[in-house]
Every structure is written in C-alpha cells, then in structure tokens.
PDB file of N, CA and C in Angstrom:
ATOM      1  N   MET A   1       0.740  -1.197   0.045  1.00  0.00           N
ATOM      2  CA  MET A   1      -0.030   0.070  -0.123  1.00  0.00           C
ATOM      3  C   MET A   1       0.889   1.252   0.055  1.00  0.00           C
ATOM      4  N   SER A   2       0.425   2.126  -0.734  1.00  0.00           N
ATOM      5  CA  SER A   2       1.275   3.516  -0.670  1.00  0.00           C
ATOM      6  C   SER A   2       0.943   4.400   0.496  1.00  0.00           C
ATOM      7  N   LYS A   3       1.763   5.299   0.701  1.00  0.00           N
ATOM      8  CA  LYS A   3       1.492   6.116   1.788  1.00  0.00           C
ATOM      9  C   LYS A   3       0.274   7.087   1.481  1.00  0.00           C
ATOM     10  N   GLU A   4       0.068   7.339   0.215  1.00  0.00           N
ATOM     11  CA  GLU A   4      -0.938   8.152  -0.116  1.00  0.00           C
ATOM     12  C   GLU A   4      -2.397   7.692   0.142  1.00  0.00           C
ATOM     13  N   ILE A   5      -2.553   6.373  -0.122  1.00  0.00           N
ATOM     14  CA  ILE A   5      -3.674   5.626   0.106  1.00  0.00           C
ATOM     15  C   ILE A   5      -4.011   5.490   1.534  1.00  0.00           C
ATOM     16  N   ILE A   6      -3.123   5.227   2.537  1.00  0.00           N
ATOM     17  CA  ILE A   6      -3.174   5.385   3.881  1.00  0.00           C
ATOM     18  C   ILE A   6      -3.611   6.561   4.421  1.00  0.00           C
ATOM     19  N   HIS A   7      -2.885   7.693   3.890  1.00  0.00           N
ATOM     20  CA  HIS A   7      -3.200   9.167   4.406  1.00  0.00           C
ATOM     21  C   HIS A   7      -4.694   9.324   4.006  1.00  0.00           C
ATOM     22  N   GLU A   8      -4.916   9.062   2.658  1.00  0.00           N
ATOM     23  CA  GLU A   8      -6.524   9.362   2.141  1.00  0.00           C
ATOM     24  C   GLU A   8      -7.352   8.749   3.218  1.00  0.00           C
ATOM     25  N   GLY A   9      -7.347   7.456   3.665  1.00  0.00           N
ATOM     26  CA  GLY A   9      -8.156   6.634   4.525  1.00  0.00           C
ATOM     27  C   GLY A   9      -8.166   7.355   5.824  1.00  0.00           C
ATOM     28  N   ALA A  10      -7.116   7.754   6.402  1.00  0.00           N
ATOM     29  CA  ALA A  10      -7.091   8.400   7.608  1.00  0.00           C
ATOM     30  C   ALA A  10      -7.653   9.835   7.402  1.00  0.00           C
ATOM     31  N   ARG A  11      -7.544  10.556   6.440  1.00  0.00           N
ATOM     32  CA  ARG A  11      -8.045  11.831   6.269  1.00  0.00           C
ATOM     33  C   ARG A  11      -9.758  11.755   6.254  1.00  0.00           C
ATOM     34  N   LYS A  12     -10.258  10.651   5.617  1.00  0.00           N
ATOM     35  CA  LYS A  12     -11.645  10.442   5.540  1.00  0.00           C
ATOM     36  C   LYS A  12     -12.148  10.122   6.906  1.00  0.00           C
ATOM     37  N   ARG A  13     -11.513   9.255   7.558  1.00  0.00           N
ATOM     38  CA  ARG A  13     -12.061   9.054   8.944  1.00  0.00           C
ATOM     39  C   ARG A  13     -11.979  10.202   9.753  1.00  0.00           C
ATOM     40  N   GLU A  14     -10.840  11.119   9.677  1.00  0.00           N
ATOM     41  CA  GLU A  14     -10.827  12.363  10.429  1.00  0.00           C
ATOM     42  C   GLU A  14     -11.910  13.256  10.001  1.00  0.00           C
ATOM     43  N   ASP A  15     -12.224  13.443   8.835  1.00  0.00           N
ATOM     44  CA  ASP A  15     -13.414  14.173   8.288  1.00  0.00           C
ATOM     45  C   ASP A  15     -14.653  13.670   9.005  1.00  0.00           C
ATOM     46  N   GLU A  16     -14.899  12.444   8.818  1.00  0.00           N
ATOM     47  CA  GLU A  16     -16.130  11.697   9.403  1.00  0.00           C
ATOM     48  C   GLU A  16     -16.336  12.148  10.804  1.00  0.00           C
ATOM     49  N   PHE A  17     -15.029  11.936  11.716  1.00  0.00           N
ATOM     50  CA  PHE A  17     -15.187  12.253  13.030  1.00  0.00           C
ATOM     51  C   PHE A  17     -15.595  13.594  13.337  1.00  0.00           C
ATOM     52  N   PHE A  18     -14.893  14.716  12.555  1.00  0.00           N
ATOM     53  CA  PHE A  18     -15.171  15.976  12.783  1.00  0.00           C
ATOM     54  C   PHE A  18     -16.697  16.461  12.397  1.00  0.00           C
ATOM     55  N   ALA A  19     -17.269  15.658  11.391  1.00  0.00           N
ATOM     56  CA  ALA A  19     -18.505  16.034  10.811  1.00  0.00           C
ATOM     57  C   ALA A  19     -19.508  15.437  11.860  1.00  0.00           C
ATOM     58  N   LYS A  20     -19.243  14.305  12.601  1.00  0.00           N
ATOM     59  CA  LYS A  20     -20.118  13.873  13.558  1.00  0.00           C
ATOM     60  C   LYS A  20     -20.165  14.856  14.787  1.00  0.00           C
ATOM     61  N   MET A  21     -18.720  15.197  15.046  1.00  0.00           N
ATOM     62  CA  MET A  21     -18.847  16.196  16.173  1.00  0.00           C
ATOM     63  C   MET A  21     -19.588  17.373  15.943  1.00  0.00           C
ATOM     64  N   GLU A  22     -19.309  17.917  14.725  1.00  0.00           N
ATOM     65  CA  GLU A  22     -20.152  19.180  14.519  1.00  0.00           C
ATOM     66  C   GLU A  22     -21.726  18.946  14.604  1.00  0.00           C
ATOM     67  N   PHE A  23     -22.010  17.802  13.943  1.00  0.00           N
ATOM     68  CA  PHE A  23     -23.498  17.499  13.928  1.00  0.00           C
ATOM     69  C   PHE A  23     -23.960  17.387  15.476  1.00  0.00           C
ATOM     70  N   GLU A  24     -23.234  16.791  16.341  1.00  0.00           N
ATOM     71  CA  GLU A  24     -23.725  16.567  17.769  1.00  0.00           C
ATOM     72  C   GLU A  24     -23.679  18.013  18.467  1.00  0.00           C
ATOM     73  N   ARG A  25     -22.741  18.873  18.233  1.00  0.00           N
ATOM     74  CA  ARG A  25     -22.665  20.241  18.843  1.00  0.00           C
ATOM     75  C   ARG A  25     -24.071  20.976  18.205  1.00  0.00           C
ATOM     76  N   LYS A  26     -24.272  20.881  16.951  1.00  0.00           N
ATOM     77  CA  LYS A  26     -25.492  21.662  16.488  1.00  0.00           C
ATOM     78  C   LYS A  26     -26.808  21.096  17.158  1.00  0.00           C
ATOM     79  N   ARG A  27     -26.978  19.718  17.209  1.00  0.00           N
ATOM     80  CA  ARG A  27     -27.945  19.021  17.612  1.00  0.00           C
ATOM     81  C   ARG A  27     -28.194  19.549  18.929  1.00  0.00           C
ATOM     82  N   LYS A  28     -27.113  19.471  19.873  1.00  0.00           N
ATOM     83  CA  LYS A  28     -27.388  20.098  21.258  1.00  0.00           C
ATOM     84  C   LYS A  28     -27.834  21.431  21.372  1.00  0.00           C
ATOM     85  N   ILE A  29     -27.417  22.453  20.442  1.00  0.00           N
ATOM     86  CA  ILE A  29     -27.746  23.652  20.416  1.00  0.00           C
ATOM     87  C   ILE A  29     -29.344  23.758  20.148  1.00  0.00           C
ATOM     88  N   PHE A  30     -29.704  22.928  18.974  1.00  0.00           N
ATOM     89  CA  PHE A  30     -31.135  23.010  18.842  1.00  0.00           C
ATOM     90  C   PHE A  30     -32.008  22.200  19.751  1.00  0.00           C
ATOM     91  N   GLU A  31     -31.511  21.294  20.383  1.00  0.00           N
ATOM     92  CA  GLU A  31     -32.175  20.744  21.424  1.00  0.00           C
ATOM     93  C   GLU A  31     -32.505  21.621  22.646  1.00  0.00           C
ATOM     94  N   GLU A  32     -31.441  22.474  22.856  1.00  0.00           N
ATOM     95  CA  GLU A  32     -31.679  23.572  23.951  1.00  0.00           C
ATOM     96  C   GLU A  32     -32.754  24.617  23.356  1.00  0.00           C
ATOM     97  N   GLU A  33     -32.618  25.020  22.132  1.00  0.00           N
ATOM     98  CA  GLU A  33     -33.612  25.958  21.708  1.00  0.00           C
ATOM     99  C   GLU A  33     -34.927  25.443  21.789  1.00  0.00           C
ATOM    100  N   HIS A  34     -35.151  24.162  21.236  1.00  0.00           N
ATOM    101  CA  HIS A  34     -36.527  23.546  21.418  1.00  0.00           C
ATOM    102  C   HIS A  34     -37.102  23.539  22.681  1.00  0.00           C
ATOM    103  N   HIS A  35     -36.100  23.193  23.536  1.00  0.00           N
ATOM    104  CA  HIS A  35     -36.544  23.045  25.034  1.00  0.00           C
ATOM    105  C   HIS A  35     -37.065  24.636  25.537  1.00  0.00           C
ATOM    106  N   LYS A  36     -36.269  25.632  25.342  1.00  0.00           N
ATOM    107  CA  LYS A  36     -36.819  26.898  25.585  1.00  0.00           C
ATOM    108  C   LYS A  36     -37.885  27.223  24.990  1.00  0.00           C
ATOM    109  N   MET A  37     -38.164  26.910  23.621  1.00  0.00           N
ATOM    110  CA  MET A  37     -39.414  27.170  22.887  1.00  0.00           C
ATOM    111  C   MET A  37     -40.693  26.663  23.519  1.00  0.00           C
ATOM    112  N   LYS A  38     -40.461  25.164  24.000  1.00  0.00           N
ATOM    113  CA  LYS A  38     -41.554  24.437  24.603  1.00  0.00           C
ATOM    114  C   LYS A  38     -41.833  25.319  25.888  1.00  0.00           C
ATOM    115  N   GLN A  39     -40.872  25.540  26.715  1.00  0.00           N
ATOM    116  CA  GLN A  39     -41.100  26.302  28.011  1.00  0.00           C
ATOM    117  C   GLN A  39     -41.814  27.512  27.851  1.00  0.00           C
ATOM    118  N   GLU A  40     -41.373  28.352  26.766  1.00  0.00           N
ATOM    119  CA  GLU A  40     -42.216  29.727  26.582  1.00  0.00           C
ATOM    120  C   GLU A  40     -43.454  29.406  25.957  1.00  0.00           C
ATOM    121  N   ALA A  41     -43.826  28.379  25.187  1.00  0.00           N
ATOM    122  CA  ALA A  41     -45.198  27.995  24.711  1.00  0.00           C
ATOM    123  C   ALA A  41     -46.019  27.721  26.030  1.00  0.00           C
ATOM    124  N   LYS A  42     -45.461  26.885  26.705  1.00  0.00           N
ATOM    125  CA  LYS A  42     -46.192  26.496  28.103  1.00  0.00           C
ATOM    126  C   LYS A  42     -46.620  27.653  28.888  1.00  0.00           C
ATOM    127  N   ARG A  43     -45.506  28.594  29.150  1.00  0.00           N
ATOM    128  CA  ARG A  43     -45.891  29.778  29.849  1.00  0.00           C
ATOM    129  C   ARG A  43     -46.787  30.760  29.218  1.00  0.00           C
ATOM    130  N   LYS A  44     -46.877  30.820  28.086  1.00  0.00           N
ATOM    131  CA  LYS A  44     -47.872  31.735  27.277  1.00  0.00           C
ATOM    132  C   LYS A  44     -49.281  31.006  27.415  1.00  0.00           C
ATOM    133  N   LEU A  45     -49.291  29.771  27.272  1.00  0.00           N
ATOM    134  CA  LEU A  45     -50.573  28.907  27.622  1.00  0.00           C
ATOM    135  C   LEU A  45     -51.140  29.231  28.841  1.00  0.00           C
ATOM    136  N   LYS A  46     -50.249  29.066  29.834  1.00  0.00           N
ATOM    137  CA  LYS A  46     -50.708  29.182  31.228  1.00  0.00           C
ATOM    138  C   LYS A  46     -51.193  30.814  31.408  1.00  0.00           C
ATOM    139  N   ASP A  47     -50.564  31.746  30.888  1.00  0.00           N
ATOM    140  CA  ASP A  47     -50.929  33.041  30.970  1.00  0.00           C
ATOM    141  C   ASP A  47     -52.245  33.334  30.409  1.00  0.00           C
ATOM    142  N   GLU A  48     -52.261  32.754  29.276  1.00  0.00           N
ATOM    143  CA  GLU A  48     -53.763  33.006  28.456  1.00  0.00           C
ATOM    144  C   GLU A  48     -54.729  32.227  29.125  1.00  0.00           C
ATOM    145  N   HIS A  49     -54.667  31.011  29.835  1.00  0.00           N
ATOM    146  CA  HIS A  49     -55.812  30.285  30.275  1.00  0.00           C
ATOM    147  C   HIS A  49     -55.871  30.143  31.891  1.00  0.00           C
ATOM    148  N   TRP A  50     -54.930  30.817  32.464  1.00  0.00           N
ATOM    149  CA  TRP A  50     -54.948  30.748  33.987  1.00  0.00           C
ATOM    150  C   TRP A  50     -56.284  31.401  34.472  1.00  0.00           C
ATOM    151  N   MET A  51     -56.771  30.534  35.481  1.00  0.00           N
ATOM    152  CA  MET A  51     -58.248  30.742  36.016  1.00  0.00           C
ATOM    153  C   MET A  51     -59.266  31.101  35.020  1.00  0.00           C
ATOM    154  N   HIS A  52     -59.359  30.492  33.916  1.00  0.00           N
ATOM    155  CA  HIS A  52     -60.264  30.488  32.831  1.00  0.00           C
ATOM    156  C   HIS A  52     -60.775  29.059  32.719  1.00  0.00           C
ATOM    157  N   CYS A  53     -62.220  29.125  32.759  1.00  0.00           N
ATOM    158  CA  CYS A  53     -62.978  27.763  32.713  1.00  0.00           C
ATOM    159  C   CYS A  53     -62.422  26.856  31.383  1.00  0.00           C
ATOM    160  N   PRO A  54     -62.184  25.750  31.737  1.00  0.00           N
ATOM    161  CA  PRO A  54     -61.783  24.775  30.560  1.00  0.00           C
ATOM    162  C   PRO A  54     -63.042  24.473  29.691  1.00  0.00           C
ATOM    163  N   LYS A  55     -64.293  24.562  30.123  1.00  0.00           N
ATOM    164  CA  LYS A  55     -65.348  24.452  29.231  1.00  0.00           C
ATOM    165  C   LYS A  55     -65.852  25.418  28.395  1.00  0.00           C
ATOM    166  N   CYS A  56     -66.000  26.756  29.056  1.00  0.00           N
ATOM    167  CA  CYS A  56     -66.593  27.858  28.442  1.00  0.00           C
ATOM    168  C   CYS A  56     -65.560  29.026  28.215  1.00  0.00           C
ATOM    169  N   GLY A  57     -64.368  28.911  28.990  1.00  0.00           N
ATOM    170  CA  GLY A  57     -63.310  29.872  28.596  1.00  0.00           C
ATOM    171  C   GLY A  57     -63.612  31.245  29.510  1.00  0.00           C
ATOM    172  N   MET A  58     -64.483  31.348  30.299  1.00  0.00           N
ATOM    173  CA  MET A  58     -64.766  32.526  31.151  1.00  0.00           C
ATOM    174  C   MET A  58     -63.939  32.523  32.348  1.00  0.00           C
ATOM    175  N   GLU A  59     -63.884  33.579  33.134  1.00  0.00           N
ATOM    176  CA  GLU A  59     -63.160  33.538  34.414  1.00  0.00           C
ATOM    177  C   GLU A  59     -63.614  32.718  35.483  1.00  0.00           C
ATOM    178  N   MET A  60     -62.667  32.153  36.207  1.00  0.00           N
ATOM    179  CA  MET A  60     -63.018  31.361  37.437  1.00  0.00           C
ATOM    180  C   MET A  60     -63.014  32.089  38.573  1.00  0.00           C
ATOM    181  N   VAL A  61     -63.769  31.748  39.667  1.00  0.00           N
ATOM    182  CA  VAL A  61     -63.710  32.498  40.950  1.00  0.00           C
ATOM    183  C   VAL A  61     -63.084  31.380  41.854  1.00  0.00           C
ATOM    184  N   GLU A  62     -62.220  31.711  42.669  1.00  0.00           N
ATOM    185  CA  GLU A  62     -61.800  30.699  43.690  1.00  0.00           C
ATOM    186  C   GLU A  62     -62.447  30.976  45.050  1.00  0.00           C
ATOM    187  N   LEU A  63     -62.924  29.884  45.643  1.00  0.00           N
ATOM    188  CA  LEU A  63     -63.711  29.739  46.724  1.00  0.00           C
ATOM    189  C   LEU A  63     -62.929  29.118  47.714  1.00  0.00           C
ATOM    190  N   ASP A  64     -63.078  29.348  49.086  1.00  0.00           N
ATOM    191  CA  ASP A  64     -62.592  28.426  50.062  1.00  0.00           C
ATOM    192  C   ASP A  64     -63.524  27.508  50.653  1.00  0.00           C
ATOM    193  N   PHE A  65     -63.183  26.386  50.708  1.00  0.00           N
ATOM    194  CA  PHE A  65     -64.180  25.307  51.367  1.00  0.00           C
ATOM    195  C   PHE A  65     -63.338  24.267  52.140  1.00  0.00           C
ATOM    196  N   GLU A  66     -63.583  24.444  53.499  1.00  0.00           N
ATOM    197  CA  GLU A  66     -62.717  23.390  54.498  1.00  0.00           C
ATOM    198  C   GLU A  66     -61.298  23.469  54.174  1.00  0.00           C
ATOM    199  N   GLY A  67     -60.827  24.766  53.849  1.00  0.00           N
ATOM    200  CA  GLY A  67     -59.392  25.016  53.692  1.00  0.00           C
ATOM    201  C   GLY A  67     -58.869  24.556  52.306  1.00  0.00           C
ATOM    202  N   ILE A  68     -59.699  24.178  51.413  1.00  0.00           N
ATOM    203  CA  ILE A  68     -59.317  23.816  50.017  1.00  0.00           C
ATOM    204  C   ILE A  68     -59.849  24.895  49.052  1.00  0.00           C
ATOM    205  N   LYS A  69     -59.124  25.372  48.124  1.00  0.00           N
ATOM    206  CA  LYS A  69     -59.490  26.304  47.138  1.00  0.00           C
ATOM    207  C   LYS A  69     -60.112  25.564  46.181  1.00  0.00           C
ATOM    208  N   ILE A  70     -61.524  26.051  45.762  1.00  0.00           N
ATOM    209  CA  ILE A  70     -62.164  25.370  44.780  1.00  0.00           C
ATOM    210  C   ILE A  70     -62.468  26.491  43.776  1.00  0.00           C
ATOM    211  N   ASP A  71     -62.312  26.129  42.321  1.00  0.00           N
ATOM    212  CA  ASP A  71     -62.585  26.980  41.452  1.00  0.00           C
ATOM    213  C   ASP A  71     -63.965  26.872  40.747  1.00  0.00           C
ATOM    214  N   LYS A  72     -64.712  27.962  40.607  1.00  0.00           N
ATOM    215  CA  LYS A  72     -66.045  27.953  40.098  1.00  0.00           C
ATOM    216  C   LYS A  72     -66.161  28.858  38.933  1.00  0.00           C
ATOM    217  N   CYS A  73     -66.564  28.588  37.891  1.00  0.00           N
ATOM    218  CA  CYS A  73     -66.891  29.320  36.674  1.00  0.00           C
ATOM    219  C   CYS A  73     -67.916  30.427  36.899  1.00  0.00           C
ATOM    220  N   SER A  74     -67.560  31.552  36.552  1.00  0.00           N
ATOM    221  CA  SER A  74     -68.457  32.732  36.756  1.00  0.00           C
ATOM    222  C   SER A  74     -69.658  32.743  35.656  1.00  0.00           C
ATOM    223  N   GLU A  75     -69.410  31.909  34.690  1.00  0.00           N
ATOM    224  CA  GLU A  75     -70.496  31.820  33.739  1.00  0.00           C
ATOM    225  C   GLU A  75     -71.254  30.644  33.676  1.00  0.00           C
ATOM    226  N   CYS A  76     -70.759  29.443  33.406  1.00  0.00           N
ATOM    227  CA  CYS A  76     -71.494  28.099  33.292  1.00  0.00           C
ATOM    228  C   CYS A  76     -71.504  27.525  34.705  1.00  0.00           C
ATOM    229  N   LEU A  77     -70.991  28.070  35.691  1.00  0.00           N
ATOM    230  CA  LEU A  77     -70.978  27.606  37.118  1.00  0.00           C
ATOM    231  C   LEU A  77     -70.402  26.267  37.356  1.00  0.00           C
ATOM    232  N   GLY A  78     -69.671  25.791  36.379  1.00  0.00           N
ATOM    233  CA  GLY A  78     -68.792  24.624  36.609  1.00  0.00           C
ATOM    234  C   GLY A  78     -68.080  24.712  37.702  1.00  0.00           C
ATOM    235  N   ILE A  79     -67.686  23.519  38.432  1.00  0.00           N
ATOM    236  CA  ILE A  79     -67.035  23.436  39.627  1.00  0.00           C
ATOM    237  C   ILE A  79     -65.668  22.645  39.246  1.00  0.00           C
ATOM    238  N   TYR A  80     -64.309  23.128  39.527  1.00  0.00           N
ATOM    239  CA  TYR A  80     -63.159  22.428  39.391  1.00  0.00           C
ATOM    240  C   TYR A  80     -62.384  22.301  40.588  1.00  0.00           C
ATOM    241  N   LEU A  81     -61.839  21.159  40.606  1.00  0.00           N
ATOM    242  CA  LEU A  81     -60.838  20.878  41.734  1.00  0.00           C
ATOM    243  C   LEU A  81     -59.397  20.515  41.214  1.00  0.00           C
ATOM    244  N   ASP A  82     -58.430  21.163  41.880  1.00  0.00           N
ATOM    245  CA  ASP A  82     -57.008  20.968  41.447  1.00  0.00           C
ATOM    246  C   ASP A  82     -56.756  19.478  41.838  1.00  0.00           C
ATOM    247  N   ASN A  83     -55.569  18.925  41.281  1.00  0.00           N
ATOM    248  CA  ASN A  83     -55.067  17.552  41.612  1.00  0.00           C
ATOM    249  C   ASN A  83     -54.943  17.397  42.955  1.00  0.00           C
ATOM    250  N   GLY A  84     -55.651  16.225  43.567  1.00  0.00           N
ATOM    251  CA  GLY A  84     -55.631  15.944  44.909  1.00  0.00           C
ATOM    252  C   GLY A  84     -56.641  16.700  45.930  1.00  0.00           C
ATOM    253  N   GLU A  85     -57.313  17.604  45.418  1.00  0.00           N
ATOM    254  CA  GLU A  85     -58.521  18.293  46.395  1.00  0.00           C
ATOM    255  C   GLU A  85     -59.586  17.245  46.510  1.00  0.00           C
ATOM    256  N   LEU A  86     -59.906  16.620  45.608  1.00  0.00           N
ATOM    257  CA  LEU A  86     -61.208  15.783  45.705  1.00  0.00           C
ATOM    258  C   LEU A  86     -60.822  14.659  46.849  1.00  0.00           C
ATOM    259  N   GLU A  87     -59.537  14.099  46.747  1.00  0.00           N
ATOM    260  CA  GLU A  87     -59.097  13.077  47.739  1.00  0.00           C
ATOM    261  C   GLU A  87     -59.083  13.721  48.941  1.00  0.00           C
ATOM    262  N   THR A  88     -58.570  15.025  49.148  1.00  0.00           N
ATOM    263  CA  THR A  88     -58.473  15.497  50.409  1.00  0.00           C
ATOM    264  C   THR A  88     -59.822  15.890  50.974  1.00  0.00           C
ATOM    265  N   LEU A  89     -60.842  16.189  50.308  1.00  0.00           N
ATOM    266  CA  LEU A  89     -62.146  16.312  50.726  1.00  0.00           C
ATOM    267  C   LEU A  89     -62.719  14.929  51.261  1.00  0.00           C
ATOM    268  N   LEU A  90     -62.491  13.960  50.312  1.00  0.00           N
ATOM    269  CA  LEU A  90     -63.089  12.519  50.868  1.00  0.00           C
ATOM    270  C   LEU A  90     -62.368  12.003  51.913  1.00  0.00           C
ATOM    271  N   GLU A  91     -61.059  12.327  52.385  1.00  0.00           N
ATOM    272  CA  GLU A  91     -60.538  11.799  53.434  1.00  0.00           C
ATOM    273  C   GLU A  91     -60.907  12.379  54.784  1.00  0.00           C
ATOM    274  N   LYS A  92     -61.636  13.569  54.513  1.00  0.00           N
ATOM    275  CA  LYS A  92     -62.086  14.216  56.004  1.00  0.00           C
ATOM    276  C   LYS A  92     -63.159  13.409  56.816  1.00  0.00           C
ATOM    277  N   LYS A  93     -63.713  12.488  55.858  1.00  0.00           N
ATOM    278  CA  LYS A  93     -64.848  11.607  56.443  1.00  0.00           C
ATOM    279  C   LYS A  93     -65.724  12.234  57.308  1.00  0.00           C
ATOM    280  N   ASN A  94     -66.094  13.402  56.942  1.00  0.00           N
ATOM    281  CA  ASN A  94     -67.153  14.181  57.714  1.00  0.00           C
ATOM    282  C   ASN A  94     -68.638  13.864  56.986  1.00  0.00           C
ATOM    283  N   GLU A  95     -69.613  13.316  57.951  1.00  0.00           N
ATOM    284  CA  GLU A  95     -70.812  12.994  57.292  1.00  0.00           C
ATOM    285  C   GLU A  95     -71.467  13.999  56.581  1.00  0.00           C
ATOM    286  N   GLY A  96     -71.464  15.364  56.981  1.00  0.00           N
ATOM    287  CA  GLY A  96     -72.180  16.309  56.387  1.00  0.00           C
ATOM    288  C   GLY A  96     -71.257  17.257  55.354  1.00  0.00           C
ATOM    289  N   LEU A  97     -70.219  16.788  55.128  1.00  0.00           N
ATOM    290  CA  LEU A  97     -69.284  17.327  54.258  1.00  0.00           C
ATOM    291  C   LEU A  97     -69.773  17.447  52.847  1.00  0.00           C
ATOM    292  N   ILE A  98     -70.197  16.388  52.365  1.00  0.00           N
ATOM    293  CA  ILE A  98     -70.559  16.403  50.941  1.00  0.00           C
ATOM    294  C   ILE A  98     -72.042  17.168  50.727  1.00  0.00           C
ATOM    295  N   GLY A  99     -72.686  17.111  51.688  1.00  0.00           N
ATOM    296  CA  GLY A  99     -74.028  17.853  51.618  1.00  0.00           C
ATOM    297  C   GLY A  99     -73.623  19.407  51.828  1.00  0.00           C
ATOM    298  N   ARG A 100     -72.888  19.776  52.672  1.00  0.00           N
ATOM    299  CA  ARG A 100     -72.341  21.243  52.723  1.00  0.00           C
ATOM    300  C   ARG A 100     -71.724  21.717  51.519  1.00  0.00           C
ATOM    301  N   PHE A 101     -70.907  20.842  50.922  1.00  0.00           N
ATOM    302  CA  PHE A 101     -70.244  21.114  49.592  1.00  0.00           C
ATOM    303  C   PHE A 101     -71.329  21.374  48.607  1.00  0.00           C
ATOM    304  N   ALA A 102     -72.179  20.535  48.432  1.00  0.00           N
ATOM    305  CA  ALA A 102     -73.190  20.589  47.333  1.00  0.00           C
ATOM    306  C   ALA A 102     -74.041  21.885  47.498  1.00  0.00           C
ATOM    307  N   ARG A 103     -74.499  22.332  48.851  1.00  0.00           N
ATOM    308  CA  ARG A 103     -75.277  23.451  48.958  1.00  0.00           C
ATOM    309  C   ARG A 103     -74.535  24.703  48.957  1.00  0.00           C
ATOM    310  N   MET A 104     -73.107  24.581  49.052  1.00  0.00           N
ATOM    311  CA  MET A 104     -72.269  25.804  48.825  1.00  0.00           C
ATOM    312  C   MET A 104     -72.432  26.326  47.287  1.00  0.00           C
ATOM    313  N   PHE A 105     -72.667  25.369  46.487  1.00  0.00           N
ATOM    314  CA  PHE A 105     -72.747  25.672  44.999  1.00  0.00           C
ATOM    315  C   PHE A 105     -74.018  25.678  44.413  1.00  0.00           C
ATOM    316  N   LYS A 106     -75.108  25.706  45.213  1.00  0.00           N
ATOM    317  CA  LYS A 106     -76.462  25.755  44.632  1.00  0.00           C
ATOM    318  C   LYS A 106     -76.861  27.129  44.491  1.00  0.00           C
TER     319      LYS A 106
END
C-alpha cells in the first residue's frame, strides 16, 4: 500500500469524526432551543388560560371550602378541583361534608 492511500483513509476517518462532532454540537444547540421554545409556549398557554374555565373559557372564581381552594366558573357555574383536592375532601370523612359542599354551589 502506498502512503497516499493510507493518508487518504485516515483523512476520510478524520473528516467523518469532525462531521459527527459538528453535528452533535449543532444538535445540542437545537435541542436547547427547542426546550426553551416549549417552555415559552407552556408559559404563554398558562398566562392565557390561567383561572379560565376549561369548558366555556370565562373567568373562574376561587372559593375556600374546608381549607381547600375550589374554582367555580363565573359563567357556566362549573366546579373544578385541582389535583388531589377531591381526595383531600373525601379523606375528611365528615358525614355532612358532601351535603355542605353541594349546598355551597347551589
């Protein structure tokens, strides 16, 4: 084998190595940009929809019941509980709790 053929093969492997390194560098940059874009989109959605009814889009009113913040729509009167709030209410095991809860929203 001639030295030129050996050098040519080494140069190709070196070019491939640097091309892969450049690709990975750019991919990481794009990945970070995409993460930032997703976070920004998520923030915008939260800002637009915060305390708005998921059914009709109108403003929600926050009410306190037994130490739990319950959201009620000002338009369609839907009642919404955040994650874990229903379980917290049910754990109280108070016989009249559900009746008082129901009367509060009539």
